[in-house]
Amino acid sequence: TLDNGTISRSGTATTVAVTFPTFGSQTIT
């Protein structure tokens, strides 16, 4: 709602996959 910024969330709560673009090091982001 633009008047006050109130957020109405919708849809089924889901899991978000965390993807890592590169492997092969001791620290990955």
Full PDB file with SEQRES, HELIX, SHEET, SSBOND, CRYST1, ORIGX, SCALE, CONECT and MASTER records, all heavy atoms in Angstrom:
SEQRES   1 A   29  THR LEU ASP ASN GLY THR ILE SER ARG SER GLY THR ALA          
SEQRES   2 A   29  THR THR VAL ALA VAL THR PHE PRO THR PHE GLY SER GLN          
SEQRES   3 A   29  THR ILE THR                                                  
CRYST1    1.000    1.000    1.000  90.00  90.00  90.00 P 1           1          
ORIGX1      1.000000  0.000000  0.000000        0.00000                         
ORIGX2      0.000000  1.000000  0.000000        0.00000                         
ORIGX3      0.000000  0.000000  1.000000        0.00000                         
SCALE1      1.000000  0.000000  0.000000        0.00000                         
SCALE2      0.000000  1.000000  0.000000        0.00000                         
SCALE3      0.000000  0.000000  1.000000        0.00000                         
ATOM      1  N   THR A   1       0.862  -1.174   0.000  1.00  0.00           N  
ATOM      2  CA  THR A   1       0.000   0.000   0.000  1.00  0.00           C  
ATOM      3  C   THR A   1       0.903   1.228   0.000  1.00  0.00           C  
ATOM      4  O   THR A   1       1.718   1.408   0.904  1.00  0.00           O  
ATOM      5  CB  THR A   1      -0.910   0.004   1.245  1.00  0.00           C  
ATOM      6  OG1 THR A   1      -1.645  -1.211   1.277  1.00  0.00           O  
ATOM      7  CG2 THR A   1      -1.846   1.190   1.234  1.00  0.00           C  
ATOM      8  N   LEU A   2       0.770   2.072  -1.014  1.00  0.00           N  
ATOM      9  CA  LEU A   2       1.683   3.211  -1.146  1.00  0.00           C  
ATOM     10  C   LEU A   2       1.464   4.278  -0.083  1.00  0.00           C  
ATOM     11  O   LEU A   2       2.398   4.989   0.294  1.00  0.00           O  
ATOM     12  CB  LEU A   2       1.585   3.815  -2.544  1.00  0.00           C  
ATOM     13  CG  LEU A   2       2.165   2.939  -3.655  1.00  0.00           C  
ATOM     14  CD1 LEU A   2       2.018   3.624  -5.001  1.00  0.00           C  
ATOM     15  CD2 LEU A   2       3.622   2.603  -3.384  1.00  0.00           C  
ATOM     16  N   ASP A   3       0.261   4.402   0.427  1.00  0.00           N  
ATOM     17  CA  ASP A   3      -0.040   5.419   1.426  1.00  0.00           C  
ATOM     18  C   ASP A   3       0.841   5.297   2.662  1.00  0.00           C  
ATOM     19  O   ASP A   3       1.324   6.281   3.202  1.00  0.00           O  
ATOM     20  CB  ASP A   3      -1.518   5.323   1.814  1.00  0.00           C  
ATOM     21  CG  ASP A   3      -1.921   6.399   2.798  1.00  0.00           C  
ATOM     22  OD1 ASP A   3      -1.403   7.523   2.706  1.00  0.00           O  
ATOM     23  OD2 ASP A   3      -2.784   6.121   3.660  1.00  0.00           O  
ATOM     24  N   ASN A   4       1.079   4.054   3.108  1.00  0.00           N  
ATOM     25  CA  ASN A   4       1.829   3.876   4.353  1.00  0.00           C  
ATOM     26  C   ASN A   4       2.901   2.788   4.284  1.00  0.00           C  
ATOM     27  O   ASN A   4       3.546   2.505   5.281  1.00  0.00           O  
ATOM     28  CB  ASN A   4       0.868   3.572   5.503  1.00  0.00           C  
ATOM     29  CG  ASN A   4      -0.002   2.375   5.221  1.00  0.00           C  
ATOM     30  OD1 ASN A   4       0.321   1.536   4.385  1.00  0.00           O  
ATOM     31  ND2 ASN A   4      -1.118   2.284   5.920  1.00  0.00           N  
ATOM     32  N   GLY A   5       3.076   2.150   3.147  1.00  0.00           N  
ATOM     33  CA  GLY A   5       4.112   1.135   2.994  1.00  0.00           C  
ATOM     34  C   GLY A   5       3.765  -0.218   3.594  1.00  0.00           C  
ATOM     35  O   GLY A   5       4.626  -1.085   3.699  1.00  0.00           O  
ATOM     36  N   THR A   6       2.508  -0.426   3.965  1.00  0.00           N  
ATOM     37  CA  THR A   6       2.092  -1.711   4.532  1.00  0.00           C  
ATOM     38  C   THR A   6       2.242  -2.811   3.486  1.00  0.00           C  
ATOM     39  O   THR A   6       1.815  -2.660   2.349  1.00  0.00           O  
ATOM     40  CB  THR A   6       0.630  -1.657   5.014  1.00  0.00           C  
ATOM     41  OG1 THR A   6       0.527  -0.656   6.021  1.00  0.00           O  
ATOM     42  CG2 THR A   6       0.184  -2.997   5.575  1.00  0.00           C  
ATOM     43  N   ILE A   7       2.858  -3.918   3.900  1.00  0.00           N  
ATOM     44  CA  ILE A   7       3.094  -5.041   2.997  1.00  0.00           C  
ATOM     45  C   ILE A   7       2.130  -6.166   3.326  1.00  0.00           C  
ATOM     46  O   ILE A   7       2.036  -6.605   4.477  1.00  0.00           O  
ATOM     47  CB  ILE A   7       4.542  -5.564   3.121  1.00  0.00           C  
ATOM     48  CG1 ILE A   7       5.533  -4.461   2.793  1.00  0.00           C  
ATOM     49  CG2 ILE A   7       4.758  -6.785   2.230  1.00  0.00           C  
ATOM     50  CD1 ILE A   7       6.964  -4.803   3.111  1.00  0.00           C  
ATOM     51  N   SER A   8       1.410  -6.630   2.302  1.00  0.00           N  
ATOM     52  CA  SER A   8       0.577  -7.821   2.424  1.00  0.00           C  
ATOM     53  C   SER A   8       1.245  -8.919   1.610  1.00  0.00           C  
ATOM     54  O   SER A   8       1.323  -8.830   0.387  1.00  0.00           O  
ATOM     55  CB  SER A   8      -0.834  -7.560   1.885  1.00  0.00           C  
ATOM     56  OG  SER A   8      -1.459  -6.551   2.621  1.00  0.00           O  
ATOM     57  N   ARG A   9       1.765  -9.914   2.300  1.00  0.00           N  
ATOM     58  CA  ARG A   9       2.457 -11.011   1.635  1.00  0.00           C  
ATOM     59  C   ARG A   9       1.447 -12.076   1.240  1.00  0.00           C  
ATOM     60  O   ARG A   9       0.477 -12.301   1.955  1.00  0.00           O  
ATOM     61  CB  ARG A   9       3.525 -11.581   2.555  1.00  0.00           C  
ATOM     62  CG  ARG A   9       4.638 -10.588   2.797  1.00  0.00           C  
ATOM     63  CD  ARG A   9       5.581 -11.015   3.902  1.00  0.00           C  
ATOM     64  NE  ARG A   9       6.746 -10.158   3.930  1.00  0.00           N  
ATOM     65  CZ  ARG A   9       6.800  -8.998   4.560  1.00  0.00           C  
ATOM     66  NH1 ARG A   9       5.760  -8.556   5.222  1.00  0.00           N  
ATOM     67  NH2 ARG A   9       7.897  -8.262   4.527  1.00  0.00           N  
ATOM     68  N   SER A  10       1.706 -12.730   0.108  1.00  0.00           N  
ATOM     69  CA  SER A  10       0.770 -13.754  -0.341  1.00  0.00           C  
ATOM     70  C   SER A  10       1.499 -14.913  -0.998  1.00  0.00           C  
ATOM     71  O   SER A  10       2.670 -14.814  -1.354  1.00  0.00           O  
ATOM     72  CB  SER A  10      -0.252 -13.154  -1.310  1.00  0.00           C  
ATOM     73  OG  SER A  10       0.392 -12.663  -2.463  1.00  0.00           O  
ATOM     74  N   GLY A  11       0.772 -15.990  -1.157  1.00  0.00           N  
ATOM     75  CA  GLY A  11       1.336 -17.208  -1.718  1.00  0.00           C  
ATOM     76  C   GLY A  11       1.799 -18.130  -0.613  1.00  0.00           C  
ATOM     77  O   GLY A  11       1.956 -17.726   0.534  1.00  0.00           O  
ATOM     78  N   THR A  12       2.011 -19.360  -0.968  1.00  0.00           N  
ATOM     79  CA  THR A  12       2.461 -20.368  -0.013  1.00  0.00           C  
ATOM     80  C   THR A  12       3.906 -20.119   0.386  1.00  0.00           C  
ATOM     81  O   THR A  12       4.759 -19.869  -0.461  1.00  0.00           O  
ATOM     82  CB  THR A  12       2.330 -21.768  -0.639  1.00  0.00           C  
ATOM     83  OG1 THR A  12       0.974 -21.950  -1.045  1.00  0.00           O  
ATOM     84  CG2 THR A  12       2.731 -22.860   0.329  1.00  0.00           C  
ATOM     85  N   ALA A  13       4.169 -20.174   1.691  1.00  0.00           N  
ATOM     86  CA  ALA A  13       5.542 -20.028   2.178  1.00  0.00           C  
ATOM     87  C   ALA A  13       6.412 -21.112   1.553  1.00  0.00           C  
ATOM     88  O   ALA A  13       6.026 -22.281   1.519  1.00  0.00           O  
ATOM     89  CB  ALA A  13       5.582 -20.129   3.692  1.00  0.00           C  
ATOM     90  N   THR A  14       7.554 -20.708   1.036  1.00  0.00           N  
ATOM     91  CA  THR A  14       8.425 -21.648   0.341  1.00  0.00           C  
ATOM     92  C   THR A  14       9.846 -21.595   0.889  1.00  0.00           C  
ATOM     93  O   THR A  14      10.228 -20.681   1.608  1.00  0.00           O  
ATOM     94  CB  THR A  14       8.479 -21.334  -1.170  1.00  0.00           C  
ATOM     95  OG1 THR A  14       8.997 -20.014  -1.345  1.00  0.00           O  
ATOM     96  CG2 THR A  14       7.114 -21.441  -1.806  1.00  0.00           C  
ATOM     97  N   THR A  15      10.607 -22.577   0.501  1.00  0.00           N  
ATOM     98  CA  THR A  15      12.027 -22.652   0.798  1.00  0.00           C  
ATOM     99  C   THR A  15      12.784 -21.988  -0.347  1.00  0.00           C  
ATOM    100  O   THR A  15      12.416 -22.124  -1.500  1.00  0.00           O  
ATOM    101  CB  THR A  15      12.442 -24.131   0.918  1.00  0.00           C  
ATOM    102  OG1 THR A  15      11.740 -24.696   2.023  1.00  0.00           O  
ATOM    103  CG2 THR A  15      13.926 -24.296   1.134  1.00  0.00           C  
ATOM    104  N   VAL A  16      13.838 -21.260  -0.016  1.00  0.00           N  
ATOM    105  CA  VAL A  16      14.654 -20.597  -1.030  1.00  0.00           C  
ATOM    106  C   VAL A  16      16.002 -21.310  -1.117  1.00  0.00           C  
ATOM    107  O   VAL A  16      16.739 -21.374  -0.120  1.00  0.00           O  
ATOM    108  CB  VAL A  16      14.862 -19.107  -0.684  1.00  0.00           C  
ATOM    109  CG1 VAL A  16      15.793 -18.445  -1.675  1.00  0.00           C  
ATOM    110  CG2 VAL A  16      13.528 -18.392  -0.627  1.00  0.00           C  
ATOM    111  N   ALA A  17      16.305 -21.850  -2.279  1.00  0.00           N  
ATOM    112  CA  ALA A  17      17.587 -22.532  -2.467  1.00  0.00           C  
ATOM    113  C   ALA A  17      18.719 -21.509  -2.471  1.00  0.00           C  
ATOM    114  O   ALA A  17      18.600 -20.436  -3.046  1.00  0.00           O  
ATOM    115  CB  ALA A  17      17.589 -23.302  -3.782  1.00  0.00           C  
ATOM    116  N   VAL A  18      19.800 -21.848  -1.799  1.00  0.00           N  
ATOM    117  CA  VAL A  18      21.004 -21.017  -1.816  1.00  0.00           C  
ATOM    118  C   VAL A  18      21.948 -21.652  -2.825  1.00  0.00           C  
ATOM    119  O   VAL A  18      22.316 -22.818  -2.681  1.00  0.00           O  
ATOM    120  CB  VAL A  18      21.658 -20.932  -0.423  1.00  0.00           C  
ATOM    121  CG1 VAL A  18      22.939 -20.123  -0.480  1.00  0.00           C  
ATOM    122  CG2 VAL A  18      20.675 -20.346   0.591  1.00  0.00           C  
ATOM    123  N   THR A  19      22.308 -20.896  -3.848  1.00  0.00           N  
ATOM    124  CA  THR A  19      23.193 -21.431  -4.879  1.00  0.00           C  
ATOM    125  C   THR A  19      24.577 -20.822  -4.744  1.00  0.00           C  
ATOM    126  O   THR A  19      24.729 -19.648  -4.406  1.00  0.00           O  
ATOM    127  CB  THR A  19      22.637 -21.156  -6.292  1.00  0.00           C  
ATOM    128  OG1 THR A  19      22.468 -19.751  -6.454  1.00  0.00           O  
ATOM    129  CG2 THR A  19      21.296 -21.844  -6.494  1.00  0.00           C  
ATOM    130  N   PHE A  20      25.560 -21.647  -5.010  1.00  0.00           N  
ATOM    131  CA  PHE A  20      26.959 -21.236  -4.960  1.00  0.00           C  
ATOM    132  C   PHE A  20      27.524 -21.359  -6.367  1.00  0.00           C  
ATOM    133  O   PHE A  20      27.545 -22.459  -6.926  1.00  0.00           O  
ATOM    134  CB  PHE A  20      27.731 -22.106  -3.974  1.00  0.00           C  
ATOM    135  CG  PHE A  20      27.288 -21.927  -2.551  1.00  0.00           C  
ATOM    136  CD1 PHE A  20      26.227 -22.663  -2.040  1.00  0.00           C  
ATOM    137  CD2 PHE A  20      27.908 -20.999  -1.738  1.00  0.00           C  
ATOM    138  CE1 PHE A  20      25.789 -22.492  -0.732  1.00  0.00           C  
ATOM    139  CE2 PHE A  20      27.489 -20.813  -0.420  1.00  0.00           C  
ATOM    140  CZ  PHE A  20      26.421 -21.560   0.074  1.00  0.00           C  
ATOM    141  N   PRO A  21      27.973 -20.244  -6.958  1.00  0.00           N  
ATOM    142  CA  PRO A  21      28.431 -20.288  -8.350  1.00  0.00           C  
ATOM    143  C   PRO A  21      29.757 -21.005  -8.557  1.00  0.00           C  
ATOM    144  O   PRO A  21      30.011 -21.514  -9.649  1.00  0.00           O  
ATOM    145  CB  PRO A  21      28.532 -18.820  -8.752  1.00  0.00           C  
ATOM    146  CG  PRO A  21      28.606 -18.055  -7.487  1.00  0.00           C  
ATOM    147  CD  PRO A  21      27.949 -18.884  -6.427  1.00  0.00           C  
ATOM    148  N   THR A  22      30.596 -21.056  -7.520  1.00  0.00           N  
ATOM    149  CA  THR A  22      31.899 -21.715  -7.690  1.00  0.00           C  
ATOM    150  C   THR A  22      32.225 -22.571  -6.471  1.00  0.00           C  
ATOM    151  O   THR A  22      31.819 -22.267  -5.348  1.00  0.00           O  
ATOM    152  CB  THR A  22      33.043 -20.687  -7.898  1.00  0.00           C  
ATOM    153  OG1 THR A  22      33.095 -19.814  -6.769  1.00  0.00           O  
ATOM    154  CG2 THR A  22      32.828 -19.868  -9.156  1.00  0.00           C  
ATOM    155  N   PHE A  23      32.978 -23.629  -6.732  1.00  0.00           N  
ATOM    156  CA  PHE A  23      33.456 -24.525  -5.682  1.00  0.00           C  
ATOM    157  C   PHE A  23      34.966 -24.669  -5.843  1.00  0.00           C  
ATOM    158  O   PHE A  23      35.560 -24.113  -6.749  1.00  0.00           O  
ATOM    159  CB  PHE A  23      32.791 -25.908  -5.802  1.00  0.00           C  
ATOM    160  CG  PHE A  23      31.306 -25.869  -5.572  1.00  0.00           C  
ATOM    161  CD1 PHE A  23      30.421 -25.942  -6.638  1.00  0.00           C  
ATOM    162  CD2 PHE A  23      30.792 -25.761  -4.299  1.00  0.00           C  
ATOM    163  CE1 PHE A  23      29.055 -25.904  -6.432  1.00  0.00           C  
ATOM    164  CE2 PHE A  23      29.419 -25.722  -4.076  1.00  0.00           C  
ATOM    165  CZ  PHE A  23      28.560 -25.789  -5.151  1.00  0.00           C  
ATOM    166  N   GLY A  24      35.564 -25.449  -4.962  1.00  0.00           N  
ATOM    167  CA  GLY A  24      36.984 -25.736  -5.099  1.00  0.00           C  
ATOM    168  C   GLY A  24      37.882 -24.838  -4.275  1.00  0.00           C  
ATOM    169  O   GLY A  24      39.085 -24.779  -4.507  1.00  0.00           O  
ATOM    170  N   SER A  25      37.310 -24.132  -3.311  1.00  0.00           N  
ATOM    171  CA  SER A  25      38.128 -23.339  -2.390  1.00  0.00           C  
ATOM    172  C   SER A  25      37.617 -23.572  -0.970  1.00  0.00           C  
ATOM    173  O   SER A  25      36.565 -24.174  -0.769  1.00  0.00           O  
ATOM    174  CB  SER A  25      38.093 -21.855  -2.755  1.00  0.00           C  
ATOM    175  OG  SER A  25      36.782 -21.356  -2.655  1.00  0.00           O  
ATOM    176  N   GLN A  26      38.363 -23.080   0.002  1.00  0.00           N  
ATOM    177  CA  GLN A  26      37.986 -23.317   1.392  1.00  0.00           C  
ATOM    178  C   GLN A  26      36.860 -22.395   1.864  1.00  0.00           C  
ATOM    179  O   GLN A  26      36.187 -22.700   2.840  1.00  0.00           O  
ATOM    180  CB  GLN A  26      39.220 -23.159   2.293  1.00  0.00           C  
ATOM    181  CG  GLN A  26      40.249 -24.232   2.029  1.00  0.00           C  
ATOM    182  CD  GLN A  26      41.509 -24.050   2.859  1.00  0.00           C  
ATOM    183  OE1 GLN A  26      41.656 -23.080   3.600  1.00  0.00           O  
ATOM    184  NE2 GLN A  26      42.433 -24.993   2.732  1.00  0.00           N  
ATOM    185  N   THR A  27      36.669 -21.285   1.174  1.00  0.00           N  
ATOM    186  CA  THR A  27      35.569 -20.368   1.481  1.00  0.00           C  
ATOM    187  C   THR A  27      34.792 -20.112   0.202  1.00  0.00           C  
ATOM    188  O   THR A  27      35.384 -19.769  -0.825  1.00  0.00           O  
ATOM    189  CB  THR A  27      36.101 -19.032   2.041  1.00  0.00           C  
ATOM    190  OG1 THR A  27      36.873 -19.300   3.218  1.00  0.00           O  
ATOM    191  CG2 THR A  27      34.973 -18.100   2.392  1.00  0.00           C  
ATOM    192  N   ILE A  28      33.469 -20.297   0.270  1.00  0.00           N  
ATOM    193  CA  ILE A  28      32.635 -20.036  -0.904  1.00  0.00           C  
ATOM    194  C   ILE A  28      31.495 -19.092  -0.500  1.00  0.00           C  
ATOM    195  O   ILE A  28      31.043 -19.093   0.644  1.00  0.00           O  
ATOM    196  CB  ILE A  28      32.061 -21.329  -1.522  1.00  0.00           C  
ATOM    197  CG1 ILE A  28      31.226 -22.115  -0.513  1.00  0.00           C  
ATOM    198  CG2 ILE A  28      33.188 -22.199  -2.079  1.00  0.00           C  
ATOM    199  CD1 ILE A  28      30.501 -23.313  -1.106  1.00  0.00           C  
ATOM    200  N   THR A  29      31.052 -18.292  -1.460  1.00  0.00           N  
ATOM    201  CA  THR A  29      29.988 -17.331  -1.216  1.00  0.00           C  
ATOM    202  C   THR A  29      28.857 -17.583  -2.204  1.00  0.00           C  
ATOM    203  O   THR A  29      29.097 -17.689  -3.411  1.00  0.00           O  
ATOM    204  CB  THR A  29      30.505 -15.883  -1.350  1.00  0.00           C  
ATOM    205  OG1 THR A  29      31.551 -15.695  -0.381  1.00  0.00           O  
ATOM    206  CG2 THR A  29      29.401 -14.871  -1.101  1.00  0.00           C  
TER     207      THR A  29                                                      
MASTER        0    0    0    0    0    0    0    6  206    1    0    3          
END                                                                             
